[in-house]
Amino acid sequence: MTHAEPEVKPAKSAPQRVMLEGKYVRLEPLGLHHAADLYTASIGEGVPERYRWLFEHPPASQQEIESWIHAVNGGSDRYVAVIDRASDRAVGRQGWLRIFPDHASIEIGGIYWGPQMAGSRLATEAFYLFARHAFDALGYRRFEWKCNNLNEPSRAAARRFGFQYEGLFRQDRIAKGQSRDTAWFSIIDSEWPKLRAEYERWLDADNFDDAGQQRSKLATRTD
């Protein structure tokens, strides 16, 4: 007697334009009203390095941000603005990419976390809200992260967030006139419950001092 393989179900839907609330950040569907804040977050010290690995250059004006928002909102990706709840200002953005509900697979990408949020609990919670929504609300079974293989900060972030390295796509893209080898990472649904519990522990207010500094590190890495 042969045993049938268990049925694998698709995700419920593509992500809709809904707000996701956290303790420290709020994710809002990206709109033109976010342009001024995102432009402010895209100028100043350290910004060129943050744009180095993106497909676009740092914006020269608020109008360039507005044009970019119009373009991405007309495509298949779904972008959100990351709002710092303490200031009620947009301090970064991120997107749902490679959205395949039929295969229950989705990617977080197009990330620009401005200097105010990069390396902070704001960035970690912004990531967590996306992962939680994908797995728990929409029923995705695969959550992807990709980056230029030379982008060590992004590779380190993937490892910190609990992604597993899957391999290298050689000469995968041309970015700003340069050949890009793309590193692929993923989290799958069987890994998520343990990761979710650790995120919830780390993001608890008791894990931070009055200056917002962590008391203990996020323990999601398996290497």
N, C-alpha and C. Protein backbone atom coordinates (compact mmCIF):
# COMPACT_ATOMS: atom_id res chain seq x y z
N MET A 1 0.86 -1.19 0.00
CA MET A 1 0.00 0.00 0.00
C MET A 1 0.89 1.24 0.00
N THR A 2 0.57 2.16 -0.85
CA THR A 2 1.31 3.42 -0.90
C THR A 2 0.57 4.48 -0.11
N HIS A 3 1.32 5.38 0.44
CA HIS A 3 0.73 6.47 1.22
C HIS A 3 0.78 7.76 0.41
N ALA A 4 -0.34 8.41 0.34
CA ALA A 4 -0.41 9.68 -0.40
C ALA A 4 0.36 10.76 0.36
N GLU A 5 1.03 11.60 -0.39
CA GLU A 5 1.72 12.73 0.21
C GLU A 5 0.68 13.70 0.77
N PRO A 6 0.98 14.33 1.91
CA PRO A 6 0.03 15.30 2.46
C PRO A 6 -0.18 16.46 1.51
N GLU A 7 -1.38 16.96 1.47
CA GLU A 7 -1.70 18.08 0.59
C GLU A 7 -1.01 19.35 1.08
N VAL A 8 -0.41 20.06 0.16
CA VAL A 8 0.22 21.35 0.46
C VAL A 8 -0.68 22.45 -0.07
N LYS A 9 -1.10 23.33 0.81
CA LYS A 9 -2.09 24.34 0.43
C LYS A 9 -1.40 25.64 0.03
N PRO A 10 -2.00 26.36 -0.90
CA PRO A 10 -1.47 27.69 -1.24
C PRO A 10 -1.72 28.68 -0.10
N ALA A 11 -1.09 29.83 -0.21
CA ALA A 11 -1.36 30.89 0.76
C ALA A 11 -2.76 31.46 0.52
N LYS A 12 -3.27 32.16 1.51
CA LYS A 12 -4.63 32.69 1.40
C LYS A 12 -4.75 33.74 0.30
N SER A 13 -3.73 34.60 0.20
CA SER A 13 -3.78 35.67 -0.79
C SER A 13 -2.43 36.37 -0.83
N ALA A 14 -2.28 37.27 -1.78
CA ALA A 14 -1.17 38.20 -1.73
C ALA A 14 -1.40 39.18 -0.59
N PRO A 15 -0.36 39.80 -0.05
CA PRO A 15 -0.56 40.80 0.99
C PRO A 15 -1.43 41.95 0.48
N GLN A 16 -2.37 42.35 1.29
CA GLN A 16 -3.25 43.47 0.94
C GLN A 16 -2.69 44.77 1.52
N ARG A 17 -3.29 45.87 1.12
CA ARG A 17 -2.83 47.18 1.62
C ARG A 17 -3.46 47.43 2.99
N VAL A 18 -2.86 46.78 3.99
CA VAL A 18 -3.35 46.90 5.36
C VAL A 18 -2.23 47.43 6.25
N MET A 19 -2.60 47.99 7.38
CA MET A 19 -1.65 48.50 8.35
C MET A 19 -1.28 47.38 9.32
N LEU A 20 0.01 47.30 9.66
CA LEU A 20 0.49 46.32 10.64
C LEU A 20 1.07 47.09 11.81
N GLU A 21 0.54 46.84 13.00
CA GLU A 21 0.93 47.60 14.20
C GLU A 21 1.87 46.78 15.07
N GLY A 22 2.94 47.43 15.52
CA GLY A 22 3.84 46.84 16.49
C GLY A 22 3.96 47.72 17.71
N LYS A 23 4.88 47.36 18.59
CA LYS A 23 5.12 48.18 19.79
C LYS A 23 5.86 49.46 19.45
N TYR A 24 6.78 49.37 18.49
CA TYR A 24 7.71 50.48 18.21
C TYR A 24 7.54 51.07 16.82
N VAL A 25 7.03 50.26 15.89
CA VAL A 25 6.81 50.75 14.53
C VAL A 25 5.40 50.38 14.07
N ARG A 26 4.99 51.09 13.04
CA ARG A 26 3.74 50.80 12.35
C ARG A 26 4.07 50.74 10.86
N LEU A 27 3.59 49.72 10.19
CA LEU A 27 3.80 49.57 8.76
C LEU A 27 2.54 50.03 8.03
N GLU A 28 2.70 51.04 7.20
CA GLU A 28 1.57 51.60 6.46
C GLU A 28 1.77 51.37 4.97
N PRO A 29 0.69 51.07 4.22
CA PRO A 29 0.81 51.00 2.76
C PRO A 29 1.47 52.27 2.23
N LEU A 30 2.46 52.12 1.38
CA LEU A 30 3.26 53.25 0.91
C LEU A 30 2.41 54.20 0.08
N GLY A 31 2.51 55.49 0.38
CA GLY A 31 1.78 56.52 -0.36
C GLY A 31 2.60 57.78 -0.53
N LEU A 32 2.12 58.67 -1.36
CA LEU A 32 2.85 59.92 -1.63
C LEU A 32 3.00 60.77 -0.37
N HIS A 33 2.10 60.61 0.60
CA HIS A 33 2.20 61.39 1.82
C HIS A 33 3.41 60.99 2.67
N HIS A 34 4.07 59.87 2.32
CA HIS A 34 5.29 59.46 3.01
C HIS A 34 6.55 60.05 2.38
N ALA A 35 6.41 60.70 1.24
CA ALA A 35 7.59 61.10 0.46
C ALA A 35 8.51 62.06 1.22
N ALA A 36 7.93 63.05 1.89
CA ALA A 36 8.77 64.04 2.58
C ALA A 36 9.61 63.37 3.66
N ASP A 37 8.99 62.53 4.46
CA ASP A 37 9.73 61.84 5.52
C ASP A 37 10.80 60.92 4.93
N LEU A 38 10.46 60.19 3.89
CA LEU A 38 11.42 59.26 3.30
C LEU A 38 12.58 60.00 2.65
N TYR A 39 12.31 61.18 2.12
CA TYR A 39 13.42 61.97 1.58
C TYR A 39 14.34 62.43 2.71
N THR A 40 13.75 62.88 3.82
CA THR A 40 14.55 63.29 4.97
C THR A 40 15.40 62.13 5.47
N ALA A 41 14.85 60.92 5.44
CA ALA A 41 15.59 59.73 5.89
C ALA A 41 16.64 59.29 4.88
N SER A 42 16.64 59.91 3.70
CA SER A 42 17.54 59.49 2.63
C SER A 42 18.61 60.53 2.31
N ILE A 43 18.83 61.47 3.22
CA ILE A 43 19.88 62.45 3.06
C ILE A 43 20.71 62.49 4.34
N GLY A 44 21.95 62.90 4.19
CA GLY A 44 22.81 63.03 5.36
C GLY A 44 23.90 61.99 5.42
N GLU A 45 24.61 61.98 6.50
CA GLU A 45 25.77 61.12 6.68
C GLU A 45 25.38 59.64 6.65
N GLY A 46 26.14 58.86 5.93
CA GLY A 46 25.95 57.43 5.88
C GLY A 46 24.93 56.94 4.88
N VAL A 47 24.18 57.87 4.25
CA VAL A 47 23.12 57.44 3.34
C VAL A 47 23.67 56.79 2.06
N PRO A 48 24.70 57.36 1.41
CA PRO A 48 25.17 56.70 0.17
C PRO A 48 25.53 55.23 0.37
N GLU A 49 26.11 54.88 1.50
CA GLU A 49 26.46 53.49 1.76
C GLU A 49 25.19 52.63 1.89
N ARG A 50 24.14 53.20 2.47
CA ARG A 50 22.90 52.45 2.62
C ARG A 50 22.22 52.20 1.27
N TYR A 51 22.45 53.09 0.31
CA TYR A 51 21.88 52.91 -1.03
C TYR A 51 22.83 52.12 -1.94
N ARG A 52 24.00 51.84 -1.50
CA ARG A 52 25.00 51.22 -2.37
C ARG A 52 24.49 49.95 -3.02
N TRP A 53 23.76 49.14 -2.27
CA TRP A 53 23.37 47.83 -2.75
C TRP A 53 21.96 47.79 -3.33
N LEU A 54 21.24 48.91 -3.28
CA LEU A 54 19.92 48.98 -3.89
C LEU A 54 20.05 49.21 -5.39
N PHE A 55 18.98 48.98 -6.12
CA PHE A 55 19.02 49.17 -7.57
C PHE A 55 18.89 50.65 -7.95
N GLU A 56 18.43 51.48 -7.01
CA GLU A 56 18.32 52.91 -7.28
C GLU A 56 19.39 53.68 -6.51
N HIS A 57 19.62 54.92 -6.96
CA HIS A 57 20.58 55.80 -6.31
C HIS A 57 19.87 56.63 -5.23
N PRO A 58 20.63 57.25 -4.31
CA PRO A 58 19.98 58.13 -3.33
C PRO A 58 19.20 59.23 -4.04
N PRO A 59 18.01 59.56 -3.58
CA PRO A 59 17.21 60.58 -4.27
C PRO A 59 17.83 61.96 -4.13
N ALA A 60 17.75 62.72 -5.21
CA ALA A 60 18.27 64.08 -5.20
C ALA A 60 17.21 65.09 -4.77
N SER A 61 15.96 64.65 -4.68
CA SER A 61 14.88 65.56 -4.31
C SER A 61 13.69 64.75 -3.82
N GLN A 62 12.76 65.44 -3.16
CA GLN A 62 11.53 64.79 -2.74
C GLN A 62 10.74 64.31 -3.95
N GLN A 63 10.83 65.06 -5.06
CA GLN A 63 10.10 64.69 -6.26
C GLN A 63 10.57 63.32 -6.79
N GLU A 64 11.87 63.02 -6.64
CA GLU A 64 12.36 61.71 -7.06
C GLU A 64 11.74 60.60 -6.20
N ILE A 65 11.60 60.85 -4.92
CA ILE A 65 10.93 59.88 -4.05
C ILE A 65 9.49 59.70 -4.50
N GLU A 66 8.79 60.78 -4.82
CA GLU A 66 7.41 60.69 -5.26
C GLU A 66 7.29 59.88 -6.54
N SER A 67 8.22 60.11 -7.47
CA SER A 67 8.21 59.35 -8.72
C SER A 67 8.44 57.88 -8.47
N TRP A 68 9.36 57.58 -7.55
CA TRP A 68 9.64 56.19 -7.21
C TRP A 68 8.42 55.53 -6.59
N ILE A 69 7.75 56.21 -5.67
CA ILE A 69 6.55 55.67 -5.04
C ILE A 69 5.48 55.38 -6.09
N HIS A 70 5.29 56.32 -7.00
CA HIS A 70 4.30 56.13 -8.06
C HIS A 70 4.64 54.90 -8.89
N ALA A 71 5.92 54.73 -9.21
CA ALA A 71 6.35 53.61 -10.05
C ALA A 71 6.14 52.28 -9.35
N VAL A 72 6.58 52.16 -8.09
CA VAL A 72 6.48 50.86 -7.42
C VAL A 72 5.04 50.51 -7.08
N ASN A 73 4.22 51.52 -6.80
CA ASN A 73 2.82 51.23 -6.51
C ASN A 73 2.06 50.80 -7.77
N GLY A 74 2.63 51.06 -8.94
CA GLY A 74 2.01 50.61 -10.18
C GLY A 74 2.48 49.24 -10.61
N GLY A 75 3.39 48.63 -9.87
CA GLY A 75 3.92 47.32 -10.22
C GLY A 75 3.32 46.21 -9.39
N SER A 76 3.96 45.05 -9.46
CA SER A 76 3.45 43.86 -8.77
C SER A 76 3.91 43.75 -7.33
N ASP A 77 4.93 44.53 -6.94
CA ASP A 77 5.43 44.47 -5.56
C ASP A 77 4.52 45.30 -4.65
N ARG A 78 4.56 45.03 -3.37
CA ARG A 78 3.73 45.75 -2.39
C ARG A 78 4.64 46.37 -1.34
N TYR A 79 4.76 47.69 -1.37
CA TYR A 79 5.67 48.39 -0.46
C TYR A 79 4.91 49.02 0.70
N VAL A 80 5.63 49.13 1.83
CA VAL A 80 5.10 49.81 3.00
C VAL A 80 6.13 50.82 3.50
N ALA A 81 5.63 51.84 4.18
CA ALA A 81 6.49 52.77 4.90
C ALA A 81 6.59 52.31 6.35
N VAL A 82 7.79 52.42 6.91
CA VAL A 82 8.01 52.06 8.31
C VAL A 82 7.90 53.33 9.13
N ILE A 83 6.91 53.39 10.01
CA ILE A 83 6.64 54.57 10.81
C ILE A 83 7.16 54.36 12.23
N ASP A 84 8.01 55.24 12.69
CA ASP A 84 8.46 55.23 14.08
C ASP A 84 7.31 55.75 14.94
N ARG A 85 6.76 54.90 15.78
CA ARG A 85 5.59 55.32 16.56
C ARG A 85 5.92 56.45 17.53
N ALA A 86 7.17 56.56 17.96
CA ALA A 86 7.53 57.63 18.91
C ALA A 86 7.44 59.00 18.26
N SER A 87 7.83 59.10 16.99
CA SER A 87 7.82 60.39 16.29
C SER A 87 6.69 60.51 15.29
N ASP A 88 6.05 59.39 14.96
CA ASP A 88 5.00 59.33 13.95
C ASP A 88 5.51 59.77 12.57
N ARG A 89 6.77 59.46 12.29
CA ARG A 89 7.37 59.81 11.00
C ARG A 89 7.87 58.54 10.30
N ALA A 90 7.82 58.56 8.97
CA ALA A 90 8.36 57.45 8.19
C ALA A 90 9.88 57.51 8.24
N VAL A 91 10.51 56.41 8.63
CA VAL A 91 11.97 56.37 8.76
C VAL A 91 12.60 55.31 7.86
N GLY A 92 11.77 54.63 7.07
CA GLY A 92 12.28 53.63 6.15
C GLY A 92 11.16 53.02 5.35
N ARG A 93 11.53 52.06 4.50
CA ARG A 93 10.52 51.36 3.71
C ARG A 93 11.03 49.96 3.39
N GLN A 94 10.08 49.08 3.06
CA GLN A 94 10.39 47.71 2.69
C GLN A 94 9.24 47.18 1.86
N GLY A 95 9.48 46.07 1.15
CA GLY A 95 8.45 45.59 0.25
C GLY A 95 8.29 44.09 0.27
N TRP A 96 7.09 43.68 -0.15
CA TRP A 96 6.83 42.29 -0.47
C TRP A 96 7.20 42.09 -1.93
N LEU A 97 8.12 41.18 -2.24
CA LEU A 97 8.54 40.91 -3.60
C LEU A 97 8.31 39.42 -3.92
N ARG A 98 8.40 39.07 -5.18
CA ARG A 98 8.23 37.66 -5.60
C ARG A 98 7.06 37.02 -4.85
N ILE A 99 5.90 37.58 -5.07
CA ILE A 99 4.69 37.15 -4.35
C ILE A 99 4.04 36.02 -5.13
N PHE A 100 4.10 34.81 -4.58
CA PHE A 100 3.54 33.63 -5.24
C PHE A 100 2.56 32.93 -4.30
N PRO A 101 1.32 33.43 -4.18
CA PRO A 101 0.37 32.77 -3.28
C PRO A 101 0.11 31.31 -3.64
N ASP A 102 0.11 30.99 -4.94
CA ASP A 102 -0.17 29.61 -5.34
C ASP A 102 0.87 28.64 -4.80
N HIS A 103 2.09 29.14 -4.58
CA HIS A 103 3.17 28.29 -4.07
C HIS A 103 3.50 28.61 -2.61
N ALA A 104 2.75 29.56 -2.03
CA ALA A 104 2.95 29.96 -0.63
C ALA A 104 4.38 30.41 -0.37
N SER A 105 4.92 31.18 -1.30
CA SER A 105 6.30 31.69 -1.22
C SER A 105 6.30 33.19 -1.43
N ILE A 106 7.09 33.90 -0.63
CA ILE A 106 7.11 35.36 -0.69
C ILE A 106 8.47 35.86 -0.20
N GLU A 107 8.85 37.05 -0.64
CA GLU A 107 10.15 37.63 -0.28
C GLU A 107 9.97 38.99 0.38
N ILE A 108 10.82 39.29 1.34
CA ILE A 108 10.97 40.66 1.83
C ILE A 108 12.17 41.25 1.12
N GLY A 109 12.02 42.46 0.57
CA GLY A 109 13.11 43.06 -0.17
C GLY A 109 12.88 44.54 -0.39
N GLY A 110 13.73 45.13 -1.23
CA GLY A 110 13.63 46.56 -1.48
C GLY A 110 13.76 47.38 -0.22
N ILE A 111 14.57 46.88 0.71
CA ILE A 111 14.63 47.48 2.05
C ILE A 111 15.53 48.71 2.06
N TYR A 112 14.98 49.81 2.55
CA TYR A 112 15.82 50.95 2.94
C TYR A 112 15.40 51.35 4.35
N TRP A 113 16.27 51.03 5.29
CA TRP A 113 16.06 51.44 6.68
C TRP A 113 17.02 52.59 6.95
N GLY A 114 16.46 53.78 7.16
CA GLY A 114 17.26 54.98 7.34
C GLY A 114 18.13 54.93 8.58
N PRO A 115 19.04 55.91 8.69
CA PRO A 115 19.98 55.90 9.83
C PRO A 115 19.30 55.83 11.18
N GLN A 116 18.10 56.41 11.31
CA GLN A 116 17.41 56.42 12.59
C GLN A 116 16.99 55.03 13.04
N MET A 117 16.73 54.13 12.08
CA MET A 117 16.20 52.82 12.46
C MET A 117 17.15 51.68 12.22
N ALA A 118 18.13 51.84 11.35
CA ALA A 118 19.03 50.73 11.02
C ALA A 118 19.75 50.24 12.27
N GLY A 119 19.78 48.95 12.47
CA GLY A 119 20.46 48.37 13.62
C GLY A 119 19.74 48.55 14.93
N SER A 120 18.46 48.94 14.89
CA SER A 120 17.71 49.21 16.11
C SER A 120 16.55 48.24 16.25
N ARG A 121 15.83 48.36 17.36
CA ARG A 121 14.65 47.53 17.54
C ARG A 121 13.56 47.89 16.54
N LEU A 122 13.63 49.10 15.96
CA LEU A 122 12.66 49.48 14.93
C LEU A 122 12.81 48.56 13.72
N ALA A 123 14.05 48.36 13.28
CA ALA A 123 14.29 47.51 12.12
C ALA A 123 13.89 46.06 12.41
N THR A 124 14.26 45.59 13.58
CA THR A 124 13.92 44.20 13.93
C THR A 124 12.42 43.99 13.98
N GLU A 125 11.70 44.94 14.55
CA GLU A 125 10.26 44.77 14.61
C GLU A 125 9.62 44.91 13.23
N ALA A 126 10.15 45.80 12.39
CA ALA A 126 9.63 45.94 11.03
C ALA A 126 9.76 44.62 10.28
N PHE A 127 10.89 43.95 10.46
CA PHE A 127 11.06 42.64 9.85
C PHE A 127 10.08 41.63 10.46
N TYR A 128 10.00 41.59 11.76
CA TYR A 128 9.14 40.63 12.46
C TYR A 128 7.68 40.77 12.03
N LEU A 129 7.19 41.99 11.89
CA LEU A 129 5.80 42.19 11.50
C LEU A 129 5.52 41.60 10.12
N PHE A 130 6.48 41.74 9.20
CA PHE A 130 6.33 41.14 7.88
C PHE A 130 6.30 39.61 7.98
N ALA A 131 7.25 39.05 8.71
CA ALA A 131 7.33 37.59 8.83
C ALA A 131 6.08 37.03 9.50
N ARG A 132 5.64 37.65 10.57
CA ARG A 132 4.45 37.18 11.28
C ARG A 132 3.22 37.24 10.38
N HIS A 133 3.09 38.31 9.63
CA HIS A 133 1.92 38.45 8.76
C HIS A 133 1.96 37.38 7.66
N ALA A 134 3.15 37.14 7.10
CA ALA A 134 3.27 36.15 6.02
C ALA A 134 2.91 34.75 6.52
N PHE A 135 3.49 34.34 7.63
CA PHE A 135 3.28 32.98 8.12
C PHE A 135 1.93 32.81 8.82
N ASP A 136 1.62 33.69 9.76
CA ASP A 136 0.48 33.48 10.64
C ASP A 136 -0.84 33.95 10.04
N ALA A 137 -0.83 35.08 9.36
CA ALA A 137 -2.08 35.62 8.83
C ALA A 137 -2.40 35.10 7.43
N LEU A 138 -1.36 34.95 6.59
CA LEU A 138 -1.61 34.62 5.19
C LEU A 138 -1.28 33.18 4.83
N GLY A 139 -0.59 32.46 5.70
CA GLY A 139 -0.34 31.05 5.46
C GLY A 139 0.75 30.74 4.46
N TYR A 140 1.74 31.64 4.34
CA TYR A 140 2.88 31.32 3.49
C TYR A 140 3.76 30.28 4.19
N ARG A 141 4.43 29.48 3.39
CA ARG A 141 5.29 28.45 3.95
C ARG A 141 6.77 28.72 3.71
N ARG A 142 7.07 29.74 2.91
CA ARG A 142 8.46 30.08 2.57
C ARG A 142 8.59 31.59 2.54
N PHE A 143 9.59 32.11 3.26
CA PHE A 143 9.84 33.55 3.37
C PHE A 143 11.29 33.78 2.97
N GLU A 144 11.50 34.57 1.93
CA GLU A 144 12.83 34.69 1.32
C GLU A 144 13.50 36.03 1.62
N TRP A 145 14.83 35.99 1.58
CA TRP A 145 15.69 37.17 1.70
C TRP A 145 16.80 36.99 0.67
N LYS A 146 17.05 38.01 -0.14
CA LYS A 146 18.11 37.93 -1.14
C LYS A 146 18.94 39.20 -1.08
N CYS A 147 20.21 39.08 -1.44
CA CYS A 147 21.06 40.26 -1.45
C CYS A 147 22.27 40.02 -2.35
N ASN A 148 22.91 41.13 -2.72
CA ASN A 148 24.19 41.03 -3.41
C ASN A 148 25.15 40.25 -2.52
N ASN A 149 25.84 39.29 -3.10
CA ASN A 149 26.73 38.46 -2.29
C ASN A 149 27.85 39.26 -1.64
N LEU A 150 28.15 40.44 -2.18
CA LEU A 150 29.19 41.30 -1.59
C LEU A 150 28.66 42.15 -0.44
N ASN A 151 27.36 42.15 -0.25
CA ASN A 151 26.73 42.98 0.76
C ASN A 151 26.76 42.25 2.11
N GLU A 152 27.88 42.32 2.79
CA GLU A 152 28.04 41.59 4.04
C GLU A 152 27.09 42.07 5.13
N PRO A 153 26.77 43.39 5.25
CA PRO A 153 25.78 43.78 6.26
C PRO A 153 24.42 43.10 6.05
N SER A 154 24.00 42.95 4.78
CA SER A 154 22.73 42.28 4.52
C SER A 154 22.82 40.79 4.80
N ARG A 155 23.95 40.16 4.47
CA ARG A 155 24.13 38.75 4.78
C ARG A 155 24.10 38.54 6.29
N ALA A 156 24.74 39.44 7.04
CA ALA A 156 24.76 39.33 8.50
C ALA A 156 23.36 39.53 9.07
N ALA A 157 22.60 40.47 8.49
CA ALA A 157 21.23 40.68 8.95
C ALA A 157 20.38 39.44 8.72
N ALA A 158 20.54 38.80 7.56
CA ALA A 158 19.78 37.58 7.28
C ALA A 158 20.09 36.51 8.32
N ARG A 159 21.35 36.36 8.66
CA ARG A 159 21.72 35.35 9.66
C ARG A 159 21.15 35.71 11.03
N ARG A 160 21.21 36.99 11.38
CA ARG A 160 20.67 37.42 12.68
C ARG A 160 19.17 37.19 12.75
N PHE A 161 18.48 37.41 11.65
CA PHE A 161 17.02 37.25 11.64
C PHE A 161 16.58 35.79 11.61
N GLY A 162 17.51 34.87 11.44
CA GLY A 162 17.17 33.46 11.51
C GLY A 162 17.03 32.77 10.16
N PHE A 163 17.44 33.43 9.09
CA PHE A 163 17.37 32.82 7.77
C PHE A 163 18.46 31.76 7.60
N GLN A 164 18.16 30.79 6.75
CA GLN A 164 19.12 29.77 6.37
C GLN A 164 19.68 30.11 4.99
N TYR A 165 21.00 30.06 4.86
CA TYR A 165 21.62 30.31 3.56
C TYR A 165 21.37 29.13 2.63
N GLU A 166 20.96 29.41 1.40
CA GLU A 166 20.60 28.35 0.47
C GLU A 166 21.57 28.23 -0.71
N GLY A 167 22.26 29.30 -1.05
CA GLY A 167 23.18 29.19 -2.17
C GLY A 167 23.34 30.49 -2.92
N LEU A 168 24.12 30.41 -4.00
CA LEU A 168 24.51 31.59 -4.75
C LEU A 168 24.04 31.47 -6.20
N PHE A 169 23.36 32.49 -6.67
CA PHE A 169 23.00 32.60 -8.09
C PHE A 169 24.04 33.49 -8.75
N ARG A 170 24.91 32.90 -9.53
CA ARG A 170 26.01 33.64 -10.14
C ARG A 170 25.52 34.47 -11.32
N GLN A 171 26.08 35.70 -11.42
CA GLN A 171 25.72 36.63 -12.50
C GLN A 171 24.20 36.72 -12.66
N ASP A 172 23.54 36.92 -11.55
CA ASP A 172 22.08 36.88 -11.50
C ASP A 172 21.45 38.18 -11.97
N ARG A 173 22.08 39.32 -11.70
CA ARG A 173 21.53 40.62 -12.05
C ARG A 173 22.66 41.55 -12.50
N ILE A 174 22.23 42.65 -13.14
CA ILE A 174 23.14 43.77 -13.39
C ILE A 174 22.60 44.94 -12.59
N ALA A 175 23.36 45.42 -11.64
CA ALA A 175 22.94 46.48 -10.74
C ALA A 175 23.89 47.67 -10.87
N LYS A 176 23.35 48.79 -11.36
CA LYS A 176 24.14 50.00 -11.53
C LYS A 176 25.40 49.74 -12.36
N GLY A 177 25.23 48.93 -13.40
CA GLY A 177 26.31 48.65 -14.31
C GLY A 177 27.30 47.60 -13.85
N GLN A 178 27.02 46.98 -12.70
CA GLN A 178 27.92 45.97 -12.15
C GLN A 178 27.22 44.62 -12.11
N SER A 179 27.99 43.55 -12.34
CA SER A 179 27.44 42.20 -12.24
C SER A 179 27.18 41.86 -10.78
N ARG A 180 26.04 41.27 -10.53
CA ARG A 180 25.66 40.90 -9.16
C ARG A 180 25.45 39.40 -9.05
N ASP A 181 26.20 38.78 -8.14
CA ASP A 181 25.91 37.43 -7.69
C ASP A 181 24.95 37.55 -6.51
N THR A 182 23.86 36.81 -6.54
CA THR A 182 22.83 36.95 -5.52
C THR A 182 22.85 35.80 -4.53
N ALA A 183 22.96 36.13 -3.25
CA ALA A 183 22.87 35.14 -2.17
C ALA A 183 21.41 34.97 -1.77
N TRP A 184 20.97 33.71 -1.68
CA TRP A 184 19.59 33.39 -1.33
C TRP A 184 19.53 32.82 0.09
N PHE A 185 18.51 33.28 0.83
CA PHE A 185 18.24 32.81 2.19
C PHE A 185 16.74 32.56 2.33
N SER A 186 16.38 31.71 3.27
CA SER A 186 14.95 31.50 3.51
C SER A 186 14.69 31.09 4.95
N ILE A 187 13.44 31.34 5.37
CA ILE A 187 12.84 30.75 6.57
C ILE A 187 11.62 29.99 6.08
N ILE A 188 11.40 28.77 6.58
CA ILE A 188 10.21 28.03 6.20
C ILE A 188 9.29 27.88 7.41
N ASP A 189 8.06 27.49 7.11
CA ASP A 189 7.01 27.55 8.14
C ASP A 189 7.30 26.67 9.36
N SER A 190 8.00 25.55 9.17
CA SER A 190 8.31 24.69 10.32
C SER A 190 9.31 25.34 11.27
N GLU A 191 10.09 26.29 10.77
CA GLU A 191 11.08 26.99 11.60
C GLU A 191 10.49 28.20 12.30
N TRP A 192 9.36 28.69 11.81
CA TRP A 192 8.84 29.96 12.28
C TRP A 192 8.39 29.96 13.74
N PRO A 193 7.68 28.95 14.26
CA PRO A 193 7.21 29.05 15.65
C PRO A 193 8.32 29.33 16.65
N LYS A 194 9.46 28.66 16.52
CA LYS A 194 10.58 28.89 17.44
C LYS A 194 11.13 30.29 17.25
N LEU A 195 11.25 30.73 16.01
CA LEU A 195 11.75 32.09 15.75
C LEU A 195 10.78 33.13 16.28
N ARG A 196 9.49 32.92 16.07
CA ARG A 196 8.49 33.87 16.54
C ARG A 196 8.58 34.05 18.06
N ALA A 197 8.73 32.96 18.78
CA ALA A 197 8.83 33.05 20.24
C ALA A 197 10.04 33.86 20.66
N GLU A 198 11.15 33.69 19.95
CA GLU A 198 12.36 34.44 20.29
C GLU A 198 12.21 35.92 19.95
N TYR A 199 11.56 36.22 18.83
CA TYR A 199 11.31 37.63 18.51
C TYR A 199 10.43 38.27 19.56
N GLU A 200 9.39 37.59 19.98
CA GLU A 200 8.49 38.16 20.98
C GLU A 200 9.20 38.38 22.30
N ARG A 201 10.09 37.46 22.67
CA ARG A 201 10.88 37.65 23.88
C ARG A 201 11.78 38.87 23.75
N TRP A 202 12.49 38.97 22.60
CA TRP A 202 13.45 40.05 22.42
C TRP A 202 12.78 41.41 22.33
N LEU A 203 11.63 41.48 21.69
CA LEU A 203 10.94 42.75 21.49
C LEU A 203 10.17 43.23 22.72
N ASP A 204 10.06 42.41 23.74
CA ASP A 204 9.37 42.83 24.95
C ASP A 204 10.03 44.06 25.55
N ALA A 205 9.24 44.98 26.03
CA ALA A 205 9.77 46.24 26.56
C ALA A 205 10.77 46.02 27.68
N ASP A 206 10.62 44.96 28.46
CA ASP A 206 11.54 44.68 29.56
C ASP A 206 12.94 44.33 29.09
N ASN A 207 13.10 44.04 27.80
CA ASN A 207 14.42 43.70 27.27
C ASN A 207 15.23 44.93 26.90
N PHE A 208 14.69 46.13 27.15
CA PHE A 208 15.38 47.36 26.77
C PHE A 208 15.48 48.30 27.96
N ASP A 209 16.62 49.00 28.03
CA ASP A 209 16.78 49.98 29.10
C ASP A 209 16.12 51.30 28.71
N ASP A 210 16.28 52.31 29.54
CA ASP A 210 15.61 53.59 29.30
C ASP A 210 16.11 54.28 28.03
N ALA A 211 17.30 53.93 27.59
CA ALA A 211 17.86 54.50 26.36
C ALA A 211 17.51 53.67 25.12
N GLY A 212 16.72 52.61 25.33
CA GLY A 212 16.34 51.77 24.20
C GLY A 212 17.37 50.75 23.80
N GLN A 213 18.38 50.52 24.65
CA GLN A 213 19.42 49.55 24.35
C GLN A 213 19.01 48.17 24.85
N GLN A 214 19.30 47.14 24.06
CA GLN A 214 18.91 45.79 24.42
C GLN A 214 19.65 45.29 25.66
N ARG A 215 18.96 44.52 26.47
CA ARG A 215 19.58 43.87 27.62
C ARG A 215 20.13 42.49 27.23
N SER A 216 19.51 41.85 26.27
CA SER A 216 20.01 40.56 25.78
C SER A 216 19.87 40.53 24.27
N LYS A 217 20.70 39.75 23.61
CA LYS A 217 20.70 39.70 22.16
C LYS A 217 19.60 38.79 21.62
N LEU A 218 19.27 39.03 20.35
CA LEU A 218 18.33 38.16 19.66
C LEU A 218 19.02 36.84 19.34
N ALA A 219 18.48 35.75 19.82
CA ALA A 219 19.13 34.44 19.69
C ALA A 219 18.38 33.60 18.66
N THR A 220 18.59 33.91 17.37
CA THR A 220 17.91 33.18 16.31
C THR A 220 18.89 32.43 15.42
N ARG A 221 20.17 32.71 15.51
CA ARG A 221 21.14 32.09 14.59
C ARG A 221 21.32 30.61 14.93
N THR A 222 21.50 29.83 13.87
CA THR A 222 21.72 28.39 14.06
C THR A 222 23.12 27.97 13.66
N ASP A 223 23.95 28.91 13.13
CA ASP A 223 25.32 28.55 12.73
C ASP A 223 26.30 28.84 13.84
